């Protein structure tokens, strides 16, 4: 097994290699963990904060005395005005060169929700086609991969198929302030 197929530091579960890439630089050293959540129901144009201007799921920091699932439900209601029966499907670890923490992000999804999707101070929800082609019967645009995090194409197709996954991506922050992936690895949970 090549080094690129080995499970990177920080991902301790038994995982089957799915995809990896980037340069052959060493993984960044693990840092203290800060917990976050992301819930995917629709893609959203992030209006402020980390990832501003990118399409992303609803989510944010896990507050003290709050579980990851509680945080995901709270963030979904705050950012979109809806409630959903969220299911855990993945974990992402993001480490940014020069940062003081590892971003541990629990990924949740739902295929249904209650309420009316509403724009918030943080997010402007938009719908995109689940079809991989440019034409679809709903008249929706395809997923705007070029306006999302560079490594989203590694794991969002797994989420869409309901396949549990784990992943890690290390980033450098460019002089322009844009995060560029330096190395990434995504795997499927083994039975």
N, C-alpha and C. Protein backbone atom coordinates (compact mmCIF):
# COMPACT_ATOMS: atom_id res chain seq x y z
N UNK A 1 0.86 -1.18 0.00
CA UNK A 1 0.00 0.00 0.00
C UNK A 1 0.90 1.23 0.00
N UNK A 2 0.64 2.15 -0.89
CA UNK A 2 1.45 3.36 -0.97
C UNK A 2 1.15 4.26 0.22
N UNK A 3 2.08 5.19 0.49
CA UNK A 3 1.90 6.13 1.59
C UNK A 3 0.60 6.91 1.43
N UNK A 4 0.23 7.23 0.19
CA UNK A 4 -0.99 8.01 -0.04
C UNK A 4 -2.24 7.22 0.34
N UNK A 5 -2.14 5.89 0.40
CA UNK A 5 -3.31 5.09 0.77
C UNK A 5 -3.38 4.82 2.27
N UNK A 6 -2.30 5.08 3.02
CA UNK A 6 -2.30 4.87 4.46
C UNK A 6 -3.22 5.88 5.14
N UNK A 7 -3.93 5.43 6.16
CA UNK A 7 -4.80 6.32 6.93
C UNK A 7 -3.93 7.38 7.61
N UNK A 8 -4.25 8.66 7.44
CA UNK A 8 -3.43 9.71 8.03
C UNK A 8 -3.63 9.85 9.53
N UNK A 9 -2.69 10.50 10.22
CA UNK A 9 -2.84 10.74 11.66
C UNK A 9 -4.15 11.47 11.96
N UNK A 10 -4.80 11.04 13.04
CA UNK A 10 -6.05 11.68 13.46
C UNK A 10 -7.29 10.89 13.09
N UNK A 11 -7.18 10.02 12.09
CA UNK A 11 -8.30 9.15 11.69
C UNK A 11 -7.98 7.75 12.19
N UNK A 12 -8.62 7.35 13.28
CA UNK A 12 -8.22 6.11 13.95
C UNK A 12 -9.09 4.90 13.62
N UNK A 13 -10.19 5.09 12.95
CA UNK A 13 -11.07 3.97 12.66
C UNK A 13 -10.53 3.13 11.50
N UNK A 14 -11.07 1.92 11.37
CA UNK A 14 -10.71 1.08 10.24
C UNK A 14 -11.39 1.64 9.00
N UNK A 15 -10.59 2.11 8.07
CA UNK A 15 -11.11 2.76 6.88
C UNK A 15 -10.53 2.15 5.63
N UNK A 16 -11.33 2.08 4.59
CA UNK A 16 -10.88 1.65 3.28
C UNK A 16 -10.60 2.89 2.46
N UNK A 17 -9.41 2.99 1.87
CA UNK A 17 -9.03 4.15 1.07
C UNK A 17 -10.05 4.39 -0.03
N UNK A 18 -10.49 5.63 -0.17
CA UNK A 18 -11.43 6.01 -1.23
C UNK A 18 -10.73 6.91 -2.25
N UNK A 19 -10.15 8.00 -1.80
CA UNK A 19 -9.42 8.90 -2.68
C UNK A 19 -8.45 9.73 -1.85
N UNK A 20 -7.39 10.16 -2.48
CA UNK A 20 -6.41 11.01 -1.81
C UNK A 20 -5.69 11.81 -2.86
N UNK A 21 -4.97 12.82 -2.43
CA UNK A 21 -4.24 13.62 -3.39
C UNK A 21 -3.45 14.72 -2.72
N UNK A 22 -2.95 15.59 -3.55
CA UNK A 22 -2.11 16.68 -3.07
C UNK A 22 -0.65 16.32 -3.23
N UNK A 23 0.19 17.07 -2.55
CA UNK A 23 1.62 16.84 -2.67
C UNK A 23 2.07 15.74 -1.71
N UNK A 24 3.34 15.38 -1.80
CA UNK A 24 3.90 14.34 -0.93
C UNK A 24 4.46 14.91 0.36
N UNK A 25 4.12 16.14 0.71
CA UNK A 25 4.60 16.72 1.96
C UNK A 25 4.05 15.92 3.13
N UNK A 26 4.72 16.01 4.26
CA UNK A 26 4.26 15.34 5.47
C UNK A 26 2.92 15.94 5.91
N UNK A 27 2.12 15.13 6.59
CA UNK A 27 0.89 15.65 7.18
C UNK A 27 1.26 16.69 8.22
N UNK A 28 0.46 17.72 8.36
CA UNK A 28 0.68 18.70 9.42
C UNK A 28 0.47 18.02 10.77
N UNK A 29 1.18 18.45 11.81
CA UNK A 29 1.00 17.81 13.11
C UNK A 29 -0.39 18.06 13.67
N UNK A 30 -0.98 17.04 14.32
CA UNK A 30 -2.29 17.24 14.94
C UNK A 30 -2.23 18.34 15.99
N UNK A 31 -3.31 19.07 16.14
CA UNK A 31 -3.42 20.18 17.08
C UNK A 31 -4.61 19.93 17.99
N UNK A 32 -4.77 20.72 19.05
CA UNK A 32 -5.97 20.57 19.87
C UNK A 32 -7.22 20.70 19.00
N UNK A 33 -8.24 19.93 19.33
CA UNK A 33 -9.43 19.85 18.49
C UNK A 33 -10.48 20.87 18.91
N UNK A 34 -11.10 21.50 17.92
CA UNK A 34 -12.27 22.37 18.10
C UNK A 34 -13.38 21.71 17.29
N UNK A 35 -14.52 21.43 17.92
CA UNK A 35 -15.59 20.68 17.28
C UNK A 35 -16.57 21.60 16.55
N UNK A 36 -16.97 21.15 15.34
CA UNK A 36 -17.93 21.86 14.49
C UNK A 36 -18.91 20.85 13.91
N UNK A 37 -19.97 21.34 13.33
CA UNK A 37 -20.93 20.48 12.63
C UNK A 37 -21.27 21.08 11.28
N UNK A 38 -21.73 20.23 10.37
CA UNK A 38 -22.29 20.67 9.10
C UNK A 38 -23.47 19.76 8.81
N UNK A 39 -24.61 20.35 8.46
CA UNK A 39 -25.79 19.58 8.07
C UNK A 39 -26.10 19.90 6.62
N UNK A 40 -26.18 18.88 5.78
CA UNK A 40 -26.47 19.07 4.36
C UNK A 40 -27.91 18.70 4.06
N UNK A 41 -28.65 19.68 3.64
CA UNK A 41 -29.99 19.47 3.12
C UNK A 41 -30.03 20.17 1.77
N UNK A 42 -29.56 21.39 1.77
CA UNK A 42 -29.39 22.17 0.55
C UNK A 42 -28.00 22.78 0.63
N UNK A 43 -27.49 23.21 -0.49
CA UNK A 43 -26.23 23.95 -0.49
C UNK A 43 -26.54 25.42 -0.25
N UNK A 44 -25.66 26.09 0.41
CA UNK A 44 -25.89 27.48 0.79
C UNK A 44 -24.69 28.33 0.44
N UNK A 45 -24.95 29.57 0.10
CA UNK A 45 -23.90 30.53 -0.15
C UNK A 45 -23.60 31.19 1.18
N UNK A 46 -22.41 30.88 1.74
CA UNK A 46 -22.02 31.40 3.05
C UNK A 46 -21.74 32.89 2.94
N UNK A 47 -22.43 33.68 3.74
CA UNK A 47 -22.35 35.14 3.63
C UNK A 47 -21.30 35.76 4.54
N UNK A 48 -20.91 35.05 5.62
CA UNK A 48 -19.88 35.61 6.50
C UNK A 48 -19.19 34.48 7.24
N UNK A 49 -18.06 34.81 7.87
CA UNK A 49 -17.33 33.84 8.67
C UNK A 49 -16.45 32.94 7.82
N UNK A 50 -15.95 31.87 8.45
CA UNK A 50 -15.05 30.91 7.80
C UNK A 50 -15.74 30.32 6.58
N UNK A 51 -15.12 30.42 5.42
CA UNK A 51 -15.71 29.90 4.18
C UNK A 51 -16.63 30.88 3.49
N UNK A 52 -16.55 32.15 3.87
CA UNK A 52 -17.40 33.18 3.26
C UNK A 52 -17.28 33.13 1.74
N UNK A 53 -18.42 33.22 1.04
CA UNK A 53 -18.44 33.22 -0.41
C UNK A 53 -18.46 31.84 -1.04
N UNK A 54 -18.34 30.79 -0.21
CA UNK A 54 -18.36 29.42 -0.72
C UNK A 54 -19.72 28.80 -0.42
N UNK A 55 -20.11 27.84 -1.24
CA UNK A 55 -21.30 27.06 -0.96
C UNK A 55 -20.92 26.00 0.06
N UNK A 56 -21.77 25.83 1.06
CA UNK A 56 -21.46 24.93 2.16
C UNK A 56 -22.77 24.50 2.81
N UNK A 57 -22.70 23.49 3.65
CA UNK A 57 -23.87 23.10 4.42
C UNK A 57 -24.06 24.03 5.60
N UNK A 58 -25.17 23.86 6.31
CA UNK A 58 -25.42 24.65 7.52
C UNK A 58 -24.57 24.09 8.65
N UNK A 59 -24.05 24.93 9.50
CA UNK A 59 -23.29 24.41 10.63
C UNK A 59 -22.49 25.47 11.33
N UNK A 60 -21.76 25.01 12.34
CA UNK A 60 -20.94 25.92 13.12
C UNK A 60 -20.34 25.22 14.32
N UNK A 61 -19.94 26.02 15.29
CA UNK A 61 -19.26 25.51 16.48
C UNK A 61 -20.21 24.74 17.38
N UNK A 62 -19.64 23.71 18.02
CA UNK A 62 -20.36 22.99 19.07
C UNK A 62 -20.09 23.76 20.36
N UNK A 63 -21.15 24.20 21.01
CA UNK A 63 -21.04 24.98 22.25
C UNK A 63 -20.78 24.05 23.43
N UNK A 64 -20.20 24.59 24.54
CA UNK A 64 -20.01 23.78 25.75
C UNK A 64 -21.34 23.18 26.20
N UNK A 65 -21.30 21.97 26.73
CA UNK A 65 -22.48 21.25 27.22
C UNK A 65 -23.50 20.95 26.12
N UNK A 66 -23.05 20.87 24.87
CA UNK A 66 -23.92 20.59 23.74
C UNK A 66 -23.31 19.43 22.97
N UNK A 67 -24.12 18.45 22.56
CA UNK A 67 -23.60 17.39 21.71
C UNK A 67 -23.47 17.90 20.28
N UNK A 68 -22.73 17.17 19.50
CA UNK A 68 -22.57 17.52 18.09
C UNK A 68 -23.93 17.56 17.38
N UNK A 69 -24.77 16.57 17.64
CA UNK A 69 -26.09 16.52 17.01
C UNK A 69 -26.95 17.71 17.45
N UNK A 70 -26.92 18.04 18.74
CA UNK A 70 -27.68 19.20 19.22
C UNK A 70 -27.20 20.47 18.52
N UNK A 71 -25.88 20.61 18.36
CA UNK A 71 -25.33 21.79 17.68
C UNK A 71 -25.79 21.84 16.23
N UNK A 72 -25.76 20.70 15.55
CA UNK A 72 -26.17 20.67 14.14
C UNK A 72 -27.63 21.09 13.99
N UNK A 73 -28.48 20.58 14.87
CA UNK A 73 -29.91 20.94 14.81
C UNK A 73 -30.11 22.43 15.12
N UNK A 74 -29.38 22.94 16.12
CA UNK A 74 -29.49 24.36 16.48
C UNK A 74 -29.04 25.23 15.32
N UNK A 75 -27.89 24.92 14.73
CA UNK A 75 -27.36 25.71 13.62
C UNK A 75 -28.31 25.68 12.42
N UNK A 76 -28.89 24.52 12.14
CA UNK A 76 -29.83 24.40 11.02
C UNK A 76 -31.04 25.31 11.23
N UNK A 77 -31.54 25.33 12.46
CA UNK A 77 -32.70 26.19 12.73
C UNK A 77 -32.32 27.67 12.70
N UNK A 78 -31.13 28.02 13.26
CA UNK A 78 -30.69 29.42 13.26
C UNK A 78 -30.40 29.93 11.86
N UNK A 79 -29.77 29.11 11.03
CA UNK A 79 -29.31 29.56 9.71
C UNK A 79 -30.33 29.40 8.60
N UNK A 80 -31.32 28.51 8.79
CA UNK A 80 -32.28 28.27 7.70
C UNK A 80 -33.74 28.27 8.15
N UNK A 81 -33.99 28.29 9.46
CA UNK A 81 -35.36 28.32 9.94
C UNK A 81 -36.10 27.00 9.80
N UNK A 82 -35.36 25.89 9.69
CA UNK A 82 -36.01 24.59 9.51
C UNK A 82 -35.52 23.59 10.55
N UNK A 83 -36.29 22.51 10.72
CA UNK A 83 -35.92 21.38 11.58
C UNK A 83 -35.87 20.14 10.70
N UNK A 84 -34.95 19.23 11.05
CA UNK A 84 -34.81 18.01 10.24
C UNK A 84 -34.33 16.86 11.12
N UNK A 85 -34.73 15.62 10.77
CA UNK A 85 -34.22 14.44 11.47
C UNK A 85 -32.82 14.10 10.93
N UNK A 86 -31.81 14.69 11.52
CA UNK A 86 -30.44 14.55 11.00
C UNK A 86 -29.85 13.19 11.32
N UNK A 87 -29.07 12.67 10.36
CA UNK A 87 -28.36 11.41 10.52
C UNK A 87 -26.87 11.69 10.33
N UNK A 88 -26.05 11.12 11.22
CA UNK A 88 -24.60 11.30 11.12
C UNK A 88 -24.07 10.41 10.00
N UNK A 89 -23.23 10.98 9.14
CA UNK A 89 -22.69 10.21 8.02
C UNK A 89 -21.18 10.32 7.88
N UNK A 90 -20.57 11.37 8.43
CA UNK A 90 -19.14 11.52 8.22
C UNK A 90 -18.44 12.39 9.23
N UNK A 91 -17.11 12.32 9.19
CA UNK A 91 -16.25 13.17 10.00
C UNK A 91 -15.15 13.69 9.10
N UNK A 92 -14.91 15.00 9.18
CA UNK A 92 -13.81 15.63 8.45
C UNK A 92 -12.87 16.26 9.45
N UNK A 93 -11.58 16.10 9.24
CA UNK A 93 -10.57 16.81 10.01
C UNK A 93 -9.88 17.77 9.06
N UNK A 94 -9.89 19.05 9.39
CA UNK A 94 -9.18 20.06 8.60
C UNK A 94 -8.10 20.66 9.48
N UNK A 95 -6.88 20.70 8.96
CA UNK A 95 -5.78 21.35 9.66
C UNK A 95 -5.20 22.38 8.72
N UNK A 96 -5.11 23.61 9.21
CA UNK A 96 -4.58 24.72 8.42
C UNK A 96 -3.18 25.04 8.92
N UNK A 97 -2.21 25.08 8.01
CA UNK A 97 -0.83 25.40 8.38
C UNK A 97 -0.80 26.73 9.14
N UNK A 98 -0.21 26.71 10.33
CA UNK A 98 -0.11 27.92 11.14
C UNK A 98 -1.27 28.14 12.10
N UNK A 99 -2.32 27.32 12.01
CA UNK A 99 -3.47 27.47 12.92
C UNK A 99 -3.14 26.85 14.28
N UNK A 100 -3.98 27.13 15.25
CA UNK A 100 -3.74 26.60 16.60
C UNK A 100 -4.70 25.48 16.98
N UNK A 101 -5.51 25.02 16.01
CA UNK A 101 -6.45 23.94 16.32
C UNK A 101 -6.76 23.12 15.07
N UNK A 102 -7.23 21.91 15.31
CA UNK A 102 -7.75 21.04 14.26
C UNK A 102 -9.26 21.24 14.22
N UNK A 103 -9.80 21.44 13.03
CA UNK A 103 -11.24 21.53 12.86
C UNK A 103 -11.78 20.10 12.73
N UNK A 104 -12.52 19.63 13.73
CA UNK A 104 -13.19 18.32 13.68
C UNK A 104 -14.64 18.62 13.33
N UNK A 105 -15.08 18.17 12.17
CA UNK A 105 -16.41 18.52 11.67
C UNK A 105 -17.24 17.26 11.50
N UNK A 106 -18.30 17.14 12.29
CA UNK A 106 -19.24 16.04 12.14
C UNK A 106 -20.22 16.42 11.04
N UNK A 107 -20.40 15.51 10.08
CA UNK A 107 -21.27 15.76 8.93
C UNK A 107 -22.59 15.00 9.12
N UNK A 108 -23.68 15.72 9.00
CA UNK A 108 -25.02 15.16 9.11
C UNK A 108 -25.77 15.41 7.81
N UNK A 109 -26.81 14.62 7.58
CA UNK A 109 -27.66 14.86 6.41
C UNK A 109 -29.09 14.48 6.73
N UNK A 110 -29.98 14.95 5.91
CA UNK A 110 -31.38 14.57 6.01
C UNK A 110 -31.98 14.65 4.61
N UNK A 111 -32.98 13.84 4.38
CA UNK A 111 -33.69 13.86 3.10
C UNK A 111 -35.04 14.53 3.24
N UNK A 112 -35.33 15.07 4.44
CA UNK A 112 -36.60 15.76 4.67
C UNK A 112 -36.40 16.84 5.72
N UNK A 113 -37.34 17.76 5.77
CA UNK A 113 -37.28 18.83 6.77
C UNK A 113 -38.67 19.40 6.99
N UNK A 114 -38.82 20.13 8.10
CA UNK A 114 -40.07 20.83 8.42
C UNK A 114 -39.80 22.32 8.44
N UNK A 115 -40.75 23.10 7.96
CA UNK A 115 -40.62 24.55 7.99
C UNK A 115 -40.35 25.11 6.61
N UNK A 116 -40.15 26.41 6.57
CA UNK A 116 -39.87 27.11 5.33
C UNK A 116 -38.41 27.55 5.34
N UNK A 117 -37.66 27.13 4.34
CA UNK A 117 -36.25 27.52 4.24
C UNK A 117 -36.19 29.04 4.10
N UNK A 118 -35.42 29.67 4.99
CA UNK A 118 -35.36 31.13 5.07
C UNK A 118 -33.91 31.60 5.05
N UNK A 119 -33.64 32.68 4.35
CA UNK A 119 -32.30 33.27 4.35
C UNK A 119 -32.02 33.87 5.72
N UNK A 120 -30.76 33.75 6.17
CA UNK A 120 -30.36 34.31 7.46
C UNK A 120 -29.19 35.27 7.25
N UNK A 121 -28.70 35.85 8.35
CA UNK A 121 -27.54 36.73 8.28
C UNK A 121 -26.31 35.99 7.75
N UNK A 122 -26.25 34.66 8.00
CA UNK A 122 -25.08 33.88 7.61
C UNK A 122 -25.20 33.17 6.28
N UNK A 123 -26.40 32.74 5.93
CA UNK A 123 -26.57 31.88 4.76
C UNK A 123 -27.69 32.35 3.85
N UNK A 124 -27.46 32.12 2.54
CA UNK A 124 -28.50 32.31 1.54
C UNK A 124 -28.72 30.95 0.87
N UNK A 125 -29.73 30.19 1.31
CA UNK A 125 -29.95 28.85 0.77
C UNK A 125 -30.28 28.87 -0.72
N UNK A 126 -29.74 27.91 -1.44
CA UNK A 126 -30.04 27.72 -2.86
C UNK A 126 -30.16 26.22 -3.11
N UNK A 127 -31.00 25.85 -4.06
CA UNK A 127 -31.19 24.45 -4.44
C UNK A 127 -30.36 24.14 -5.69
N UNK A 128 -29.78 22.94 -5.71
CA UNK A 128 -29.04 22.47 -6.88
C UNK A 128 -29.48 21.05 -7.21
N UNK A 129 -29.28 20.66 -8.42
CA UNK A 129 -29.68 19.34 -8.89
C UNK A 129 -28.78 18.26 -8.29
N UNK A 130 -29.36 17.12 -7.95
CA UNK A 130 -28.58 15.97 -7.52
C UNK A 130 -28.06 15.19 -8.71
N UNK A 131 -28.54 15.54 -9.89
CA UNK A 131 -28.09 14.89 -11.12
C UNK A 131 -26.69 15.37 -11.47
N UNK A 132 -25.88 14.49 -12.04
CA UNK A 132 -24.54 14.89 -12.45
C UNK A 132 -24.52 15.57 -13.81
N UNK A 133 -25.64 15.56 -14.49
CA UNK A 133 -25.67 16.19 -15.81
C UNK A 133 -26.15 17.64 -15.71
N UNK A 134 -25.91 18.41 -16.77
CA UNK A 134 -26.31 19.81 -16.78
C UNK A 134 -27.82 19.98 -16.96
N UNK A 135 -28.48 18.96 -17.49
CA UNK A 135 -29.93 19.07 -17.69
C UNK A 135 -30.64 18.14 -16.71
N UNK A 136 -31.71 18.63 -16.10
CA UNK A 136 -32.48 17.82 -15.17
C UNK A 136 -33.93 18.26 -15.22
N UNK A 137 -34.81 17.38 -14.81
CA UNK A 137 -36.24 17.65 -14.92
C UNK A 137 -36.72 18.73 -13.96
N UNK A 138 -35.97 19.02 -12.89
CA UNK A 138 -36.39 20.05 -11.94
C UNK A 138 -36.03 21.45 -12.41
N UNK A 139 -35.21 21.57 -13.44
CA UNK A 139 -34.78 22.88 -13.92
C UNK A 139 -33.75 23.53 -13.00
N UNK A 140 -33.10 22.75 -12.16
CA UNK A 140 -32.10 23.27 -11.23
C UNK A 140 -30.71 23.27 -11.87
N UNK A 141 -29.88 24.17 -11.42
CA UNK A 141 -28.49 24.20 -11.89
C UNK A 141 -27.71 23.05 -11.26
N UNK A 142 -26.62 22.61 -11.92
CA UNK A 142 -25.78 21.57 -11.32
C UNK A 142 -25.03 22.13 -10.11
N UNK A 143 -24.51 21.24 -9.28
CA UNK A 143 -23.73 21.64 -8.10
C UNK A 143 -22.55 22.51 -8.56
N UNK A 144 -22.35 23.69 -7.96
CA UNK A 144 -21.27 24.60 -8.37
C UNK A 144 -19.94 24.25 -7.70
N UNK A 145 -19.33 23.14 -8.13
CA UNK A 145 -18.09 22.67 -7.50
C UNK A 145 -17.02 23.75 -7.47
N UNK A 146 -16.98 24.61 -8.46
CA UNK A 146 -15.93 25.64 -8.52
C UNK A 146 -16.13 26.74 -7.47
N UNK A 147 -17.26 26.75 -6.79
CA UNK A 147 -17.52 27.75 -5.75
C UNK A 147 -17.61 27.09 -4.38
N UNK A 148 -17.02 25.91 -4.26
CA UNK A 148 -17.03 25.17 -3.00
C UNK A 148 -15.60 24.89 -2.58
N UNK A 149 -15.44 24.30 -1.40
CA UNK A 149 -14.10 23.90 -0.96
C UNK A 149 -13.55 22.90 -1.97
N UNK A 150 -12.25 23.01 -2.25
CA UNK A 150 -11.64 22.18 -3.28
C UNK A 150 -11.81 20.68 -3.04
N UNK A 151 -11.85 20.25 -1.79
CA UNK A 151 -11.94 18.82 -1.50
C UNK A 151 -13.38 18.31 -1.34
N UNK A 152 -14.37 19.19 -1.49
CA UNK A 152 -15.77 18.75 -1.36
C UNK A 152 -16.15 17.67 -2.36
N UNK A 153 -15.53 17.68 -3.53
CA UNK A 153 -15.86 16.66 -4.54
C UNK A 153 -15.43 15.27 -4.11
N UNK A 154 -14.56 15.18 -3.10
CA UNK A 154 -14.11 13.88 -2.61
C UNK A 154 -15.16 13.20 -1.75
N UNK A 155 -15.93 13.98 -1.00
CA UNK A 155 -16.85 13.37 -0.04
C UNK A 155 -18.33 13.65 -0.27
N UNK A 156 -18.70 14.73 -0.91
CA UNK A 156 -20.14 15.00 -1.10
C UNK A 156 -20.82 13.92 -1.95
N UNK A 157 -20.17 13.36 -2.98
CA UNK A 157 -20.82 12.24 -3.68
C UNK A 157 -21.09 11.04 -2.75
N UNK A 158 -20.22 10.81 -1.76
CA UNK A 158 -20.47 9.73 -0.79
C UNK A 158 -21.68 10.06 0.07
N UNK A 159 -21.76 11.30 0.53
CA UNK A 159 -22.92 11.76 1.31
C UNK A 159 -24.20 11.56 0.51
N UNK A 160 -24.19 11.95 -0.75
CA UNK A 160 -25.38 11.85 -1.60
C UNK A 160 -25.82 10.40 -1.78
N UNK A 161 -24.88 9.45 -1.72
CA UNK A 161 -25.21 8.03 -1.86
C UNK A 161 -25.47 7.36 -0.52
N UNK A 162 -25.33 8.11 0.60
CA UNK A 162 -25.56 7.54 1.92
C UNK A 162 -24.44 6.64 2.40
N UNK A 163 -23.21 6.85 1.92
CA UNK A 163 -22.07 6.02 2.28
C UNK A 163 -21.28 6.71 3.40
N UNK A 164 -21.18 6.11 4.60
CA UNK A 164 -20.42 6.72 5.69
C UNK A 164 -18.94 6.86 5.33
N UNK A 165 -18.34 7.98 5.74
CA UNK A 165 -16.96 8.28 5.36
C UNK A 165 -16.24 9.03 6.47
N UNK A 166 -14.93 9.08 6.35
CA UNK A 166 -14.06 9.89 7.20
C UNK A 166 -13.02 10.51 6.28
N UNK A 167 -12.56 11.70 6.63
CA UNK A 167 -11.56 12.33 5.79
C UNK A 167 -10.72 13.34 6.53
N UNK A 168 -9.59 13.63 5.92
CA UNK A 168 -8.69 14.66 6.45
C UNK A 168 -8.16 15.47 5.29
N UNK A 169 -8.07 16.78 5.50
CA UNK A 169 -7.46 17.66 4.51
C UNK A 169 -6.61 18.68 5.24
N UNK A 170 -5.38 18.84 4.78
CA UNK A 170 -4.47 19.86 5.30
C UNK A 170 -4.43 21.00 4.30
N UNK A 171 -4.45 22.22 4.80
CA UNK A 171 -4.51 23.41 3.96
C UNK A 171 -3.37 24.38 4.28
N UNK A 172 -2.95 25.11 3.26
CA UNK A 172 -2.08 26.28 3.42
C UNK A 172 -2.95 27.49 3.17
N UNK A 173 -2.66 28.57 3.88
CA UNK A 173 -3.39 29.82 3.64
C UNK A 173 -2.52 30.70 2.77
N UNK A 174 -2.99 30.98 1.56
CA UNK A 174 -2.23 31.78 0.61
C UNK A 174 -2.16 33.24 1.02
N UNK A 175 -1.28 33.98 0.36
CA UNK A 175 -1.15 35.41 0.64
C UNK A 175 -2.45 36.15 0.38
N UNK A 176 -3.27 35.60 -0.52
CA UNK A 176 -4.57 36.21 -0.83
C UNK A 176 -5.64 35.85 0.20
N UNK A 177 -5.25 35.06 1.23
CA UNK A 177 -6.19 34.66 2.27
C UNK A 177 -7.02 33.44 1.92
N UNK A 178 -6.81 32.89 0.73
CA UNK A 178 -7.58 31.72 0.28
C UNK A 178 -6.88 30.45 0.73
N UNK A 179 -7.66 29.51 1.28
CA UNK A 179 -7.13 28.24 1.74
C UNK A 179 -6.95 27.30 0.55
N UNK A 180 -5.74 26.77 0.40
CA UNK A 180 -5.42 25.85 -0.69
C UNK A 180 -5.07 24.48 -0.09
N UNK A 181 -5.70 23.41 -0.58
CA UNK A 181 -5.38 22.09 -0.03
C UNK A 181 -3.95 21.68 -0.40
N UNK A 182 -3.24 21.16 0.59
CA UNK A 182 -1.88 20.68 0.33
C UNK A 182 -1.84 19.15 0.29
N UNK A 183 -2.75 18.51 1.03
CA UNK A 183 -2.83 17.06 1.03
C UNK A 183 -4.19 16.66 1.58
N UNK A 184 -4.78 15.58 1.03
CA UNK A 184 -6.08 15.12 1.53
C UNK A 184 -6.19 13.62 1.40
N UNK A 185 -7.08 13.05 2.21
CA UNK A 185 -7.32 11.61 2.23
C UNK A 185 -8.75 11.38 2.71
N UNK A 186 -9.49 10.53 2.00
CA UNK A 186 -10.87 10.20 2.37
C UNK A 186 -11.04 8.69 2.29
N UNK A 187 -11.72 8.14 3.30
CA UNK A 187 -11.93 6.70 3.33
C UNK A 187 -13.36 6.34 3.71
N UNK A 188 -13.69 5.09 3.42
CA UNK A 188 -15.01 4.53 3.72
C UNK A 188 -14.89 3.68 4.97
N UNK A 189 -15.90 3.71 5.83
CA UNK A 189 -15.88 2.87 7.02
C UNK A 189 -15.93 1.41 6.61
N UNK A 190 -15.04 0.61 7.19
CA UNK A 190 -15.06 -0.82 6.91
C UNK A 190 -16.07 -1.49 7.81
N UNK A 191 -16.68 -2.56 7.32
CA UNK A 191 -17.67 -3.30 8.13
C UNK A 191 -17.01 -4.04 9.26
